[in-house]
Amino acid sequence: MKGNGRYPATESNLHKQITTFYKKLKKLDDTAILTYSIEKDRYRWKYHAHVQIEYTDEKALYRLLGMFVHGDWVRGIGYGGSHDTCYGKYGTVYLEPGCNDLSALRYMNKRINSNSKTLV
């Protein structure tokens, strides 16, 4: 742990956090499928993740994401239209409506230059 008790956003910490989140989500929604890719920030020495989640229980997903980052949800408008954002004590989550699963995977694999991982 560093400084104020938060974990730094390293690649290994993000892998652990995403797998922990997925285990908790799977208990609430057994049909959930999660695909993620971790990317290094361009201008900092930190990392962030792109996550695609297929789910059936929207309330459980929102509640769990809010608990995960310790924040509250706000509706906003961005480039892709309206989206929900959770500004939390431990990070920020942007939820954008999915358009096409294949295009999202292409974005995660080619644009970010990494291999995505799928948790089923």
PDB file of N, CA and C in Angstrom:
ATOM      1  N   MET A   1       0.837  -1.173   0.000  1.00  0.00           N
ATOM      2  CA  MET A   1       0.000   0.000   0.000  1.00  0.00           C
ATOM      3  C   MET A   1       0.883   1.237   0.000  1.00  0.00           C
ATOM      4  N   LYS A   2       0.344   2.277  -0.585  1.00  0.00           N
ATOM      5  CA  LYS A   2       1.115   3.517  -0.659  1.00  0.00           C
ATOM      6  C   LYS A   2       0.344   4.641   0.010  1.00  0.00           C
ATOM      7  N   GLY A   3       1.084   5.542   0.596  1.00  0.00           N
ATOM      8  CA  GLY A   3       0.572   6.814   1.082  1.00  0.00           C
ATOM      9  C   GLY A   3      -0.735   6.778   1.830  1.00  0.00           C
ATOM     10  N   ASN A   4      -1.823   7.070   1.147  1.00  0.00           N
ATOM     11  CA  ASN A   4      -3.121   7.239   1.788  1.00  0.00           C
ATOM     12  C   ASN A   4      -3.903   5.928   1.916  1.00  0.00           C
ATOM     13  N   GLY A   5      -3.266   4.781   1.766  1.00  0.00           N
ATOM     14  CA  GLY A   5      -3.941   3.507   1.949  1.00  0.00           C
ATOM     15  C   GLY A   5      -4.536   2.923   0.680  1.00  0.00           C
ATOM     16  N   ARG A   6      -4.305   3.536  -0.460  1.00  0.00           N
ATOM     17  CA  ARG A   6      -4.821   3.022  -1.724  1.00  0.00           C
ATOM     18  C   ARG A   6      -3.753   2.190  -2.416  1.00  0.00           C
ATOM     19  N   TYR A   7      -4.198   1.210  -3.174  1.00  0.00           N
ATOM     20  CA  TYR A   7      -3.257   0.427  -3.959  1.00  0.00           C
ATOM     21  C   TYR A   7      -2.921   1.182  -5.234  1.00  0.00           C
ATOM     22  N   PRO A   8      -1.652   1.200  -5.645  1.00  0.00           N
ATOM     23  CA  PRO A   8      -1.320   1.855  -6.908  1.00  0.00           C
ATOM     24  C   PRO A   8      -1.912   1.078  -8.074  1.00  0.00           C
ATOM     25  N   ALA A   9      -2.223   1.768  -9.138  1.00  0.00           N
ATOM     26  CA  ALA A   9      -2.840   1.127 -10.309  1.00  0.00           C
ATOM     27  C   ALA A   9      -1.758   0.467 -11.157  1.00  0.00           C
ATOM     28  N   THR A  10      -1.240  -0.652 -10.678  1.00  0.00           N
ATOM     29  CA  THR A  10      -0.276  -1.412 -11.460  1.00  0.00           C
ATOM     30  C   THR A  10      -1.019  -2.487 -12.233  1.00  0.00           C
ATOM     31  N   GLU A  11      -0.340  -3.083 -13.185  1.00  0.00           N
ATOM     32  CA  GLU A  11      -0.977  -4.111 -14.004  1.00  0.00           C
ATOM     33  C   GLU A  11      -1.411  -5.312 -13.164  1.00  0.00           C
ATOM     34  N   SER A  12      -0.561  -5.761 -12.263  1.00  0.00           N
ATOM     35  CA  SER A  12      -0.907  -6.929 -11.444  1.00  0.00           C
ATOM     36  C   SER A  12      -2.045  -6.623 -10.480  1.00  0.00           C
ATOM     37  N   ASN A  13      -2.082  -5.400  -9.913  1.00  0.00           N
ATOM     38  CA  ASN A  13      -3.188  -5.033  -9.029  1.00  0.00           C
ATOM     39  C   ASN A  13      -4.506  -4.967  -9.781  1.00  0.00           C
ATOM     40  N   LEU A  14      -4.482  -4.464 -11.010  1.00  0.00           N
ATOM     41  CA  LEU A  14      -5.718  -4.414 -11.792  1.00  0.00           C
ATOM     42  C   LEU A  14      -6.213  -5.812 -12.135  1.00  0.00           C
ATOM     43  N   HIS A  15      -5.314  -6.740 -12.461  1.00  0.00           N
ATOM     44  CA  HIS A  15      -5.727  -8.129 -12.713  1.00  0.00           C
ATOM     45  C   HIS A  15      -6.423  -8.704 -11.484  1.00  0.00           C
ATOM     46  N   LYS A  16      -5.843  -8.498 -10.311  1.00  0.00           N
ATOM     47  CA  LYS A  16      -6.429  -9.015  -9.074  1.00  0.00           C
ATOM     48  C   LYS A  16      -7.784  -8.378  -8.792  1.00  0.00           C
ATOM     49  N   GLN A  17      -7.877  -7.064  -8.979  1.00  0.00           N
ATOM     50  CA  GLN A  17      -9.131  -6.370  -8.703  1.00  0.00           C
ATOM     51  C   GLN A  17     -10.235  -6.810  -9.656  1.00  0.00           C
ATOM     52  N   ILE A  18      -9.902  -6.996 -10.924  1.00  0.00           N
ATOM     53  CA  ILE A  18     -10.914  -7.402 -11.905  1.00  0.00           C
ATOM     54  C   ILE A  18     -11.386  -8.828 -11.627  1.00  0.00           C
ATOM     55  N   THR A  19     -10.481  -9.744 -11.308  1.00  0.00           N
ATOM     56  CA  THR A  19     -10.904 -11.119 -11.015  1.00  0.00           C
ATOM     57  C   THR A  19     -11.721 -11.175  -9.730  1.00  0.00           C
ATOM     58  N   THR A  20     -11.368 -10.367  -8.725  1.00  0.00           N
ATOM     59  CA  THR A  20     -12.168 -10.312  -7.500  1.00  0.00           C
ATOM     60  C   THR A  20     -13.555  -9.761  -7.794  1.00  0.00           C
ATOM     61  N   PHE A  21     -13.620  -8.686  -8.581  1.00  0.00           N
ATOM     62  CA  PHE A  21     -14.910  -8.113  -8.964  1.00  0.00           C
ATOM     63  C   PHE A  21     -15.754  -9.139  -9.706  1.00  0.00           C
ATOM     64  N   TYR A  22     -15.138  -9.893 -10.618  1.00  0.00           N
ATOM     65  CA  TYR A  22     -15.878 -10.875 -11.393  1.00  0.00           C
ATOM     66  C   TYR A  22     -16.433 -11.992 -10.500  1.00  0.00           C
ATOM     67  N   LYS A  23     -15.658 -12.443  -9.532  1.00  0.00           N
ATOM     68  CA  LYS A  23     -16.141 -13.484  -8.617  1.00  0.00           C
ATOM     69  C   LYS A  23     -17.365 -12.998  -7.851  1.00  0.00           C
ATOM     70  N   LYS A  24     -17.349 -11.743  -7.412  1.00  0.00           N
ATOM     71  CA  LYS A  24     -18.490 -11.185  -6.683  1.00  0.00           C
ATOM     72  C   LYS A  24     -19.698 -10.995  -7.603  1.00  0.00           C
ATOM     73  N   LEU A  25     -19.450 -10.562  -8.840  1.00  0.00           N
ATOM     74  CA  LEU A  25     -20.534 -10.395  -9.807  1.00  0.00           C
ATOM     75  C   LEU A  25     -21.157 -11.734 -10.154  1.00  0.00           C
ATOM     76  N   LYS A  26     -20.350 -12.758 -10.303  1.00  0.00           N
ATOM     77  CA  LYS A  26     -20.845 -14.093 -10.678  1.00  0.00           C
ATOM     78  C   LYS A  26     -21.779 -14.650  -9.607  1.00  0.00           C
ATOM     79  N   LYS A  27     -21.559 -14.291  -8.334  1.00  0.00           N
ATOM     80  CA  LYS A  27     -22.451 -14.731  -7.259  1.00  0.00           C
ATOM     81  C   LYS A  27     -23.824 -14.076  -7.383  1.00  0.00           C
ATOM     82  N   LEU A  28     -23.857 -12.832  -7.884  1.00  0.00           N
ATOM     83  CA  LEU A  28     -25.118 -12.110  -8.020  1.00  0.00           C
ATOM     84  C   LEU A  28     -25.813 -12.385  -9.353  1.00  0.00           C
ATOM     85  N   ASP A  29     -25.036 -12.622 -10.403  1.00  0.00           N
ATOM     86  CA  ASP A  29     -25.569 -12.836 -11.749  1.00  0.00           C
ATOM     87  C   ASP A  29     -24.768 -13.955 -12.398  1.00  0.00           C
ATOM     88  N   ASP A  30     -25.300 -15.169 -12.345  1.00  0.00           N
ATOM     89  CA  ASP A  30     -24.527 -16.329 -12.813  1.00  0.00           C
ATOM     90  C   ASP A  30     -24.371 -16.389 -14.328  1.00  0.00           C
ATOM     91  N   THR A  31     -25.012 -15.503 -15.065  1.00  0.00           N
ATOM     92  CA  THR A  31     -24.863 -15.488 -16.526  1.00  0.00           C
ATOM     93  C   THR A  31     -23.793 -14.490 -16.989  1.00  0.00           C
ATOM     94  N   ALA A  32     -23.169 -13.796 -16.072  1.00  0.00           N
ATOM     95  CA  ALA A  32     -22.229 -12.720 -16.413  1.00  0.00           C
ATOM     96  C   ALA A  32     -20.971 -13.260 -17.097  1.00  0.00           C
ATOM     97  N   ILE A  33     -20.542 -12.544 -18.130  1.00  0.00           N
ATOM     98  CA  ILE A  33     -19.290 -12.825 -18.835  1.00  0.00           C
ATOM     99  C   ILE A  33     -18.522 -11.514 -18.896  1.00  0.00           C
ATOM    100  N   LEU A  34     -17.241 -11.556 -18.541  1.00  0.00           N
ATOM    101  CA  LEU A  34     -16.436 -10.347 -18.466  1.00  0.00           C
ATOM    102  C   LEU A  34     -15.202 -10.497 -19.344  1.00  0.00           C
ATOM    103  N   THR A  35     -14.959  -9.515 -20.196  1.00  0.00           N
ATOM    104  CA  THR A  35     -13.759  -9.466 -21.025  1.00  0.00           C
ATOM    105  C   THR A  35     -13.041  -8.160 -20.700  1.00  0.00           C
ATOM    106  N   TYR A  36     -11.729  -8.250 -20.483  1.00  0.00           N
ATOM    107  CA  TYR A  36     -11.008  -7.047 -20.103  1.00  0.00           C
ATOM    108  C   TYR A  36      -9.631  -6.995 -20.740  1.00  0.00           C
ATOM    109  N   SER A  37      -9.104  -5.780 -20.794  1.00  0.00           N
ATOM    110  CA  SER A  37      -7.769  -5.529 -21.293  1.00  0.00           C
ATOM    111  C   SER A  37      -7.186  -4.378 -20.478  1.00  0.00           C
ATOM    112  N   ILE A  38      -5.918  -4.478 -20.116  1.00  0.00           N
ATOM    113  CA  ILE A  38      -5.269  -3.466 -19.300  1.00  0.00           C
ATOM    114  C   ILE A  38      -4.312  -2.660 -20.171  1.00  0.00           C
ATOM    115  N   GLU A  39      -4.388  -1.340 -20.029  1.00  0.00           N
ATOM    116  CA  GLU A  39      -3.597  -0.436 -20.859  1.00  0.00           C
ATOM    117  C   GLU A  39      -2.789   0.506 -19.971  1.00  0.00           C
ATOM    118  N   LYS A  40      -1.561   0.786 -20.374  1.00  0.00           N
ATOM    119  CA  LYS A  40      -0.729   1.746 -19.652  1.00  0.00           C
ATOM    120  C   LYS A  40      -1.103   3.157 -20.093  1.00  0.00           C
ATOM    121  N   ASP A  41      -1.224   4.058 -19.117  1.00  0.00           N
ATOM    122  CA  ASP A  41      -1.533   5.448 -19.429  1.00  0.00           C
ATOM    123  C   ASP A  41      -0.396   6.058 -20.236  1.00  0.00           C
ATOM    124  N   ARG A  42      -0.728   6.944 -21.160  1.00  0.00           N
ATOM    125  CA  ARG A  42       0.285   7.534 -22.033  1.00  0.00           C
ATOM    126  C   ARG A  42       1.204   8.505 -21.306  1.00  0.00           C
ATOM    127  N   TYR A  43       0.662   9.306 -20.427  1.00  0.00           N
ATOM    128  CA  TYR A  43       1.438  10.387 -19.826  1.00  0.00           C
ATOM    129  C   TYR A  43       1.759  10.168 -18.352  1.00  0.00           C
ATOM    130  N   ARG A  44       1.448   9.005 -17.838  1.00  0.00           N
ATOM    131  CA  ARG A  44       1.716   8.703 -16.437  1.00  0.00           C
ATOM    132  C   ARG A  44       2.306   7.306 -16.351  1.00  0.00           C
ATOM    133  N   TRP A  45       2.691   6.920 -15.147  1.00  0.00           N
ATOM    134  CA  TRP A  45       3.208   5.577 -14.942  1.00  0.00           C
ATOM    135  C   TRP A  45       2.155   4.697 -14.295  1.00  0.00           C
ATOM    136  N   LYS A  46       0.909   4.908 -14.664  1.00  0.00           N
ATOM    137  CA  LYS A  46      -0.203   4.145 -14.115  1.00  0.00           C
ATOM    138  C   LYS A  46      -0.875   3.350 -15.218  1.00  0.00           C
ATOM    139  N   TYR A  47      -1.812   2.527 -14.841  1.00  0.00           N
ATOM    140  CA  TYR A  47      -2.558   1.693 -15.773  1.00  0.00           C
ATOM    141  C   TYR A  47      -4.051   1.911 -15.571  1.00  0.00           C
ATOM    142  N   HIS A  48      -4.830   1.554 -16.595  1.00  0.00           N
ATOM    143  CA  HIS A  48      -6.276   1.516 -16.472  1.00  0.00           C
ATOM    144  C   HIS A  48      -6.785   0.336 -17.287  1.00  0.00           C
ATOM    145  N   ALA A  49      -8.029  -0.032 -17.078  1.00  0.00           N
ATOM    146  CA  ALA A  49      -8.581  -1.214 -17.733  1.00  0.00           C
ATOM    147  C   ALA A  49      -9.802  -0.855 -18.562  1.00  0.00           C
ATOM    148  N   HIS A  50      -9.974  -1.568 -19.665  1.00  0.00           N
ATOM    149  CA  HIS A  50     -11.190  -1.517 -20.473  1.00  0.00           C
ATOM    150  C   HIS A  50     -11.894  -2.849 -20.237  1.00  0.00           C
ATOM    151  N   VAL A  51     -13.162  -2.778 -19.859  1.00  0.00           N
ATOM    152  CA  VAL A  51     -13.897  -3.984 -19.485  1.00  0.00           C
ATOM    153  C   VAL A  51     -15.212  -4.022 -20.250  1.00  0.00           C
ATOM    154  N   GLN A  52     -15.518  -5.192 -20.786  1.00  0.00           N
ATOM    155  CA  GLN A  52     -16.800  -5.426 -21.440  1.00  0.00           C
ATOM    156  C   GLN A  52     -17.520  -6.488 -20.624  1.00  0.00           C
ATOM    157  N   ILE A  53     -18.746  -6.180 -20.171  1.00  0.00           N
ATOM    158  CA  ILE A  53     -19.490  -7.094 -19.309  1.00  0.00           C
ATOM    159  C   ILE A  53     -20.825  -7.416 -19.963  1.00  0.00           C
ATOM    160  N   GLU A  54     -21.105  -8.706 -20.098  1.00  0.00           N
ATOM    161  CA  GLU A  54     -22.422  -9.166 -20.527  1.00  0.00           C
ATOM    162  C   GLU A  54     -23.140  -9.617 -19.269  1.00  0.00           C
ATOM    163  N   TYR A  55     -24.342  -9.087 -19.020  1.00  0.00           N
ATOM    164  CA  TYR A  55     -25.033  -9.335 -17.766  1.00  0.00           C
ATOM    165  C   TYR A  55     -26.537  -9.358 -17.995  1.00  0.00           C
ATOM    166  N   THR A  56     -27.277  -9.832 -16.991  1.00  0.00           N
ATOM    167  CA  THR A  56     -28.731  -9.787 -17.047  1.00  0.00           C
ATOM    168  C   THR A  56     -29.322  -8.946 -15.924  1.00  0.00           C
ATOM    169  N   ASP A  57     -28.617  -8.815 -14.801  1.00  0.00           N
ATOM    170  CA  ASP A  57     -29.118  -8.075 -13.652  1.00  0.00           C
ATOM    171  C   ASP A  57     -28.401  -6.721 -13.562  1.00  0.00           C
ATOM    172  N   GLU A  58     -29.022  -5.691 -14.118  1.00  0.00           N
ATOM    173  CA  GLU A  58     -28.410  -4.362 -14.180  1.00  0.00           C
ATOM    174  C   GLU A  58     -28.249  -3.739 -12.790  1.00  0.00           C
ATOM    175  N   LYS A  59     -29.245  -3.902 -11.929  1.00  0.00           N
ATOM    176  CA  LYS A  59     -29.159  -3.321 -10.587  1.00  0.00           C
ATOM    177  C   LYS A  59     -27.991  -3.901  -9.798  1.00  0.00           C
ATOM    178  N   ALA A  60     -27.791  -5.201  -9.917  1.00  0.00           N
ATOM    179  CA  ALA A  60     -26.674  -5.845  -9.204  1.00  0.00           C
ATOM    180  C   ALA A  60     -25.338  -5.332  -9.729  1.00  0.00           C
ATOM    181  N   LEU A  61     -25.229  -5.153 -11.043  1.00  0.00           N
ATOM    182  CA  LEU A  61     -23.993  -4.650 -11.637  1.00  0.00           C
ATOM    183  C   LEU A  61     -23.681  -3.241 -11.143  1.00  0.00           C
ATOM    184  N   TYR A  62     -24.657  -2.353 -11.182  1.00  0.00           N
ATOM    185  CA  TYR A  62     -24.446  -0.977 -10.745  1.00  0.00           C
ATOM    186  C   TYR A  62     -24.095  -0.919  -9.261  1.00  0.00           C
ATOM    187  N   ARG A  63     -24.814  -1.691  -8.443  1.00  0.00           N
ATOM    188  CA  ARG A  63     -24.551  -1.696  -7.007  1.00  0.00           C
ATOM    189  C   ARG A  63     -23.141  -2.195  -6.704  1.00  0.00           C
ATOM    190  N   LEU A  64     -22.741  -3.271  -7.370  1.00  0.00           N
ATOM    191  CA  LEU A  64     -21.421  -3.846  -7.125  1.00  0.00           C
ATOM    192  C   LEU A  64     -20.300  -2.922  -7.617  1.00  0.00           C
ATOM    193  N   LEU A  65     -20.460  -2.312  -8.787  1.00  0.00           N
ATOM    194  CA  LEU A  65     -19.452  -1.358  -9.277  1.00  0.00           C
ATOM    195  C   LEU A  65     -19.338  -0.155  -8.352  1.00  0.00           C
ATOM    196  N   GLY A  66     -20.463   0.345  -7.855  1.00  0.00           N
ATOM    197  CA  GLY A  66     -20.446   1.467  -6.925  1.00  0.00           C
ATOM    198  C   GLY A  66     -19.747   1.111  -5.626  1.00  0.00           C
ATOM    199  N   MET A  67     -19.984  -0.101  -5.127  1.00  0.00           N
ATOM    200  CA  MET A  67     -19.312  -0.550  -3.909  1.00  0.00           C
ATOM    201  C   MET A  67     -17.826  -0.757  -4.160  1.00  0.00           C
ATOM    202  N   PHE A  68     -17.472  -1.184  -5.361  1.00  0.00           N
ATOM    203  CA  PHE A  68     -16.086  -1.499  -5.682  1.00  0.00           C
ATOM    204  C   PHE A  68     -15.208  -0.255  -5.670  1.00  0.00           C
ATOM    205  N   VAL A  69     -15.705   0.869  -6.174  1.00  0.00           N
ATOM    206  CA  VAL A  69     -14.918   2.107  -6.193  1.00  0.00           C
ATOM    207  C   VAL A  69     -15.338   3.083  -5.096  1.00  0.00           C
ATOM    208  N   HIS A  70     -16.348   2.712  -4.283  1.00  0.00           N
ATOM    209  CA  HIS A  70     -16.840   3.547  -3.188  1.00  0.00           C
ATOM    210  C   HIS A  70     -17.309   4.902  -3.705  1.00  0.00           C
ATOM    211  N   GLY A  71     -18.291   4.875  -4.615  1.00  0.00           N
ATOM    212  CA  GLY A  71     -18.765   6.122  -5.190  1.00  0.00           C
ATOM    213  C   GLY A  71     -20.245   6.121  -5.497  1.00  0.00           C
ATOM    214  N   ASP A  72     -20.709   7.226  -6.065  1.00  0.00           N
ATOM    215  CA  ASP A  72     -22.104   7.417  -6.432  1.00  0.00           C
ATOM    216  C   ASP A  72     -22.211   7.618  -7.938  1.00  0.00           C
ATOM    217  N   TRP A  73     -23.351   7.228  -8.493  1.00  0.00           N
ATOM    218  CA  TRP A  73     -23.572   7.276  -9.941  1.00  0.00           C
ATOM    219  C   TRP A  73     -24.118   8.617 -10.384  1.00  0.00           C
ATOM    220  N   VAL A  74     -23.647   9.063 -11.559  1.00  0.00           N
ATOM    221  CA  VAL A  74     -24.087  10.308 -12.177  1.00  0.00           C
ATOM    222  C   VAL A  74     -24.307  10.024 -13.658  1.00  0.00           C
ATOM    223  N   ARG A  75     -25.385  10.566 -14.234  1.00  0.00           N
ATOM    224  CA  ARG A  75     -25.624  10.413 -15.666  1.00  0.00           C
ATOM    225  C   ARG A  75     -25.033  11.601 -16.385  1.00  0.00           C
ATOM    226  N   GLY A  76     -24.291  11.326 -17.474  1.00  0.00           N
ATOM    227  CA  GLY A  76     -23.660  12.387 -18.241  1.00  0.00           C
ATOM    228  C   GLY A  76     -23.801  12.151 -19.721  1.00  0.00           C
ATOM    229  N   ILE A  77     -23.332  13.105 -20.513  1.00  0.00           N
ATOM    230  CA  ILE A  77     -23.372  12.991 -21.962  1.00  0.00           C
ATOM    231  C   ILE A  77     -21.955  13.128 -22.483  1.00  0.00           C
ATOM    232  N   GLY A  78     -21.526  12.182 -23.306  1.00  0.00           N
ATOM    233  CA  GLY A  78     -20.175  12.196 -23.847  1.00  0.00           C
ATOM    234  C   GLY A  78     -20.204  12.039 -25.352  1.00  0.00           C
ATOM    235  N   TYR A  79     -19.104  11.572 -25.903  1.00  0.00           N
ATOM    236  CA  TYR A  79     -18.999  11.409 -27.357  1.00  0.00           C
ATOM    237  C   TYR A  79     -19.986  10.390 -27.894  1.00  0.00           C
ATOM    238  N   GLY A  80     -20.195   9.294 -27.170  1.00  0.00           N
ATOM    239  CA  GLY A  80     -21.069   8.230 -27.656  1.00  0.00           C
ATOM    240  C   GLY A  80     -22.505   8.388 -27.228  1.00  0.00           C
ATOM    241  N   GLY A  81     -22.881   9.529 -26.714  1.00  0.00           N
ATOM    242  CA  GLY A  81     -24.229   9.741 -26.215  1.00  0.00           C
ATOM    243  C   GLY A  81     -24.224   9.739 -24.693  1.00  0.00           C
ATOM    244  N   SER A  82     -25.357   9.349 -24.108  1.00  0.00           N
ATOM    245  CA  SER A  82     -25.431   9.363 -22.652  1.00  0.00           C
ATOM    246  C   SER A  82     -24.706   8.153 -22.068  1.00  0.00           C
ATOM    247  N   HIS A  83     -24.121   8.357 -20.916  1.00  0.00           N
ATOM    248  CA  HIS A  83     -23.419   7.291 -20.223  1.00  0.00           C
ATOM    249  C   HIS A  83     -23.510   7.538 -18.719  1.00  0.00           C
ATOM    250  N   ASP A  84     -23.280   6.499 -17.935  1.00  0.00           N
ATOM    251  CA  ASP A  84     -23.292   6.621 -16.489  1.00  0.00           C
ATOM    252  C   ASP A  84     -21.859   6.603 -15.987  1.00  0.00           C
ATOM    253  N   THR A  85     -21.593   7.416 -14.975  1.00  0.00           N
ATOM    254  CA  THR A  85     -20.255   7.513 -14.410  1.00  0.00           C
ATOM    255  C   THR A  85     -20.352   7.380 -12.904  1.00  0.00           C
ATOM    256  N   CYS A  86     -19.421   6.636 -12.329  1.00  0.00           N
ATOM    257  CA  CYS A  86     -19.336   6.497 -10.881  1.00  0.00           C
ATOM    258  C   CYS A  86     -17.993   7.055 -10.443  1.00  0.00           C
ATOM    259  N   TYR A  87     -18.026   8.222  -9.794  1.00  0.00           N
ATOM    260  CA  TYR A  87     -16.813   8.832  -9.263  1.00  0.00           C
ATOM    261  C   TYR A  87     -16.654   8.335  -7.837  1.00  0.00           C
ATOM    262  N   GLY A  88     -15.603   7.576  -7.610  1.00  0.00           N
ATOM    263  CA  GLY A  88     -15.436   6.975  -6.298  1.00  0.00           C
ATOM    264  C   GLY A  88     -14.129   7.327  -5.630  1.00  0.00           C
ATOM    265  N   LYS A  89     -14.020   6.925  -4.404  1.00  0.00           N
ATOM    266  CA  LYS A  89     -12.825   7.143  -3.604  1.00  0.00           C
ATOM    267  C   LYS A  89     -11.636   6.392  -4.190  1.00  0.00           C
ATOM    268  N   TYR A  90     -11.892   5.228  -4.806  1.00  0.00           N
ATOM    269  CA  TYR A  90     -10.814   4.386  -5.323  1.00  0.00           C
ATOM    270  C   TYR A  90     -10.745   4.338  -6.842  1.00  0.00           C
ATOM    271  N   GLY A  91     -11.374   5.268  -7.523  1.00  0.00           N
ATOM    272  CA  GLY A  91     -11.293   5.306  -8.975  1.00  0.00           C
ATOM    273  C   GLY A  91     -12.577   5.790  -9.600  1.00  0.00           C
ATOM    274  N   THR A  92     -12.623   5.741 -10.908  1.00  0.00           N
ATOM    275  CA  THR A  92     -13.786   6.191 -11.665  1.00  0.00           C
ATOM    276  C   THR A  92     -14.185   5.106 -12.650  1.00  0.00           C
ATOM    277  N   VAL A  93     -15.498   4.877 -12.772  1.00  0.00           N
ATOM    278  CA  VAL A  93     -16.022   3.892 -13.708  1.00  0.00           C
ATOM    279  C   VAL A  93     -16.935   4.619 -14.689  1.00  0.00           C
ATOM    280  N   TYR A  94     -16.676   4.453 -15.991  1.00  0.00           N
ATOM    281  CA  TYR A  94     -17.534   4.992 -17.040  1.00  0.00           C
ATOM    282  C   TYR A  94     -18.261   3.825 -17.689  1.00  0.00           C
ATOM    283  N   LEU A  95     -19.588   3.867 -17.694  1.00  0.00           N
ATOM    284  CA  LEU A  95     -20.374   2.824 -18.343  1.00  0.00           C
ATOM    285  C   LEU A  95     -20.965   3.391 -19.625  1.00  0.00           C
ATOM    286  N   GLU A  96     -20.621   2.778 -20.729  1.00  0.00           N
ATOM    287  CA  GLU A  96     -21.148   3.184 -22.016  1.00  0.00           C
ATOM    288  C   GLU A  96     -21.953   2.033 -22.580  1.00  0.00           C
ATOM    289  N   PRO A  97     -23.067   2.323 -23.229  1.00  0.00           N
ATOM    290  CA  PRO A  97     -23.866   1.233 -23.804  1.00  0.00           C
ATOM    291  C   PRO A  97     -23.076   0.501 -24.876  1.00  0.00           C
ATOM    292  N   GLY A  98     -23.184  -0.808 -24.864  1.00  0.00           N
ATOM    293  CA  GLY A  98     -22.471  -1.618 -25.848  1.00  0.00           C
ATOM    294  C   GLY A  98     -23.115  -1.515 -27.209  1.00  0.00           C
ATOM    295  N   CYS A  99     -22.296  -1.409 -28.223  1.00  0.00           N
ATOM    296  CA  CYS A  99     -22.838  -1.328 -29.574  1.00  0.00           C
ATOM    297  C   CYS A  99     -22.661  -2.666 -30.289  1.00  0.00           C
ATOM    298  N   ASN A 100     -21.435  -3.108 -30.396  1.00  0.00           N
ATOM    299  CA  ASN A 100     -21.145  -4.330 -31.124  1.00  0.00           C
ATOM    300  C   ASN A 100     -20.020  -5.048 -30.393  1.00  0.00           C
ATOM    301  N   ASP A 101     -20.253  -6.287 -30.012  1.00  0.00           N
ATOM    302  CA  ASP A 101     -19.247  -7.035 -29.261  1.00  0.00           C
ATOM    303  C   ASP A 101     -17.948  -7.168 -30.037  1.00  0.00           C
ATOM    304  N   LEU A 102     -18.044  -7.398 -31.327  1.00  0.00           N
ATOM    305  CA  LEU A 102     -16.854  -7.589 -32.144  1.00  0.00           C
ATOM    306  C   LEU A 102     -16.028  -6.305 -32.237  1.00  0.00           C
ATOM    307  N   SER A 103     -16.692  -5.167 -32.404  1.00  0.00           N
ATOM    308  CA  SER A 103     -15.937  -3.910 -32.492  1.00  0.00           C
ATOM    309  C   SER A 103     -15.290  -3.563 -31.155  1.00  0.00           C
ATOM    310  N   ALA A 104     -15.941  -3.893 -30.046  1.00  0.00           N
ATOM    311  CA  ALA A 104     -15.342  -3.637 -28.731  1.00  0.00           C
ATOM    312  C   ALA A 104     -14.101  -4.508 -28.540  1.00  0.00           C
ATOM    313  N   LEU A 105     -14.162  -5.762 -28.944  1.00  0.00           N
ATOM    314  CA  LEU A 105     -12.995  -6.636 -28.824  1.00  0.00           C
ATOM    315  C   LEU A 105     -11.862  -6.178 -29.733  1.00  0.00           C
ATOM    316  N   ARG A 106     -12.199  -5.720 -30.926  1.00  0.00           N
ATOM    317  CA  ARG A 106     -11.164  -5.184 -31.819  1.00  0.00           C
ATOM    318  C   ARG A 106     -10.495  -3.974 -31.195  1.00  0.00           C
ATOM    319  N   TYR A 107     -11.288  -3.109 -30.572  1.00  0.00           N
ATOM    320  CA  TYR A 107     -10.733  -1.931 -29.914  1.00  0.00           C
ATOM    321  C   TYR A 107      -9.779  -2.357 -28.808  1.00  0.00           C
ATOM    322  N   MET A 108     -10.197  -3.313 -27.988  1.00  0.00           N
ATOM    323  CA  MET A 108      -9.362  -3.741 -26.872  1.00  0.00           C
ATOM    324  C   MET A 108      -8.090  -4.448 -27.338  1.00  0.00           C
ATOM    325  N   ASN A 109      -8.164  -5.201 -28.414  1.00  0.00           N
ATOM    326  CA  ASN A 109      -7.010  -5.980 -28.851  1.00  0.00           C
ATOM    327  C   ASN A 109      -6.063  -5.213 -29.776  1.00  0.00           C
ATOM    328  N   LYS A 110      -6.583  -4.398 -30.666  1.00  0.00           N
ATOM    329  CA  LYS A 110      -5.715  -3.716 -31.631  1.00  0.00           C
ATOM    330  C   LYS A 110      -5.354  -2.315 -31.192  1.00  0.00           C
ATOM    331  N   ARG A 111      -6.314  -1.539 -30.765  1.00  0.00           N
ATOM    332  CA  ARG A 111      -6.055  -0.156 -30.394  1.00  0.00           C
ATOM    333  C   ARG A 111      -5.147  -0.086 -29.174  1.00  0.00           C
ATOM    334  N   ILE A 112      -5.407  -0.938 -28.208  1.00  0.00           N
ATOM    335  CA  ILE A 112      -4.644  -0.916 -26.974  1.00  0.00           C
ATOM    336  C   ILE A 112      -3.367  -1.733 -27.126  1.00  0.00           C
ATOM    337  N   ASN A 113      -3.299  -2.547 -28.142  1.00  0.00           N
ATOM    338  CA  ASN A 113      -2.094  -3.324 -28.418  1.00  0.00           C
ATOM    339  C   ASN A 113      -1.829  -4.370 -27.346  1.00  0.00           C
ATOM    340  N   SER A 114      -2.870  -5.060 -26.935  1.00  0.00           N
ATOM    341  CA  SER A 114      -2.718  -6.119 -25.950  1.00  0.00           C
ATOM    342  C   SER A 114      -3.738  -7.209 -26.247  1.00  0.00           C
ATOM    343  N   ASN A 115      -3.634  -8.275 -25.540  1.00  0.00           N
ATOM    344  CA  ASN A 115      -4.606  -9.357 -25.687  1.00  0.00           C
ATOM    345  C   ASN A 115      -5.626  -9.273 -24.582  1.00  0.00           C
ATOM    346  N   SER A 116      -6.890  -9.307 -24.952  1.00  0.00           N
ATOM    347  CA  SER A 116      -7.936  -9.268 -23.945  1.00  0.00           C
ATOM    348  C   SER A 116      -8.092 -10.649 -23.319  1.00  0.00           C
ATOM    349  N   LYS A 117      -8.623 -10.677 -22.127  1.00  0.00           N
ATOM    350  CA  LYS A 117      -8.875 -11.919 -21.406  1.00  0.00           C
ATOM    351  C   LYS A 117     -10.355 -11.996 -21.110  1.00  0.00           C
ATOM    352  N   THR A 118     -10.930 -13.179 -21.231  1.00  0.00           N
ATOM    353  CA  THR A 118     -12.349 -13.381 -20.981  1.00  0.00           C
ATOM    354  C   THR A 118     -12.529 -14.298 -19.783  1.00  0.00           C
ATOM    355  N   LEU A 119     -13.383 -13.885 -18.863  1.00  0.00           N
ATOM    356  CA  LEU A 119     -13.720 -14.682 -17.688  1.00  0.00           C
ATOM    357  C   LEU A 119     -15.153 -15.147 -17.849  1.00  0.00           C
ATOM    358  N   VAL A 120     -15.359 -16.443 -17.834  1.00  0.00           N
ATOM    359  CA  VAL A 120     -16.708 -17.008 -18.027  1.00  0.00           C
ATOM    360  C   VAL A 120     -17.116 -17.726 -16.768  1.00  0.00           C
TER     361      VAL A 120
END
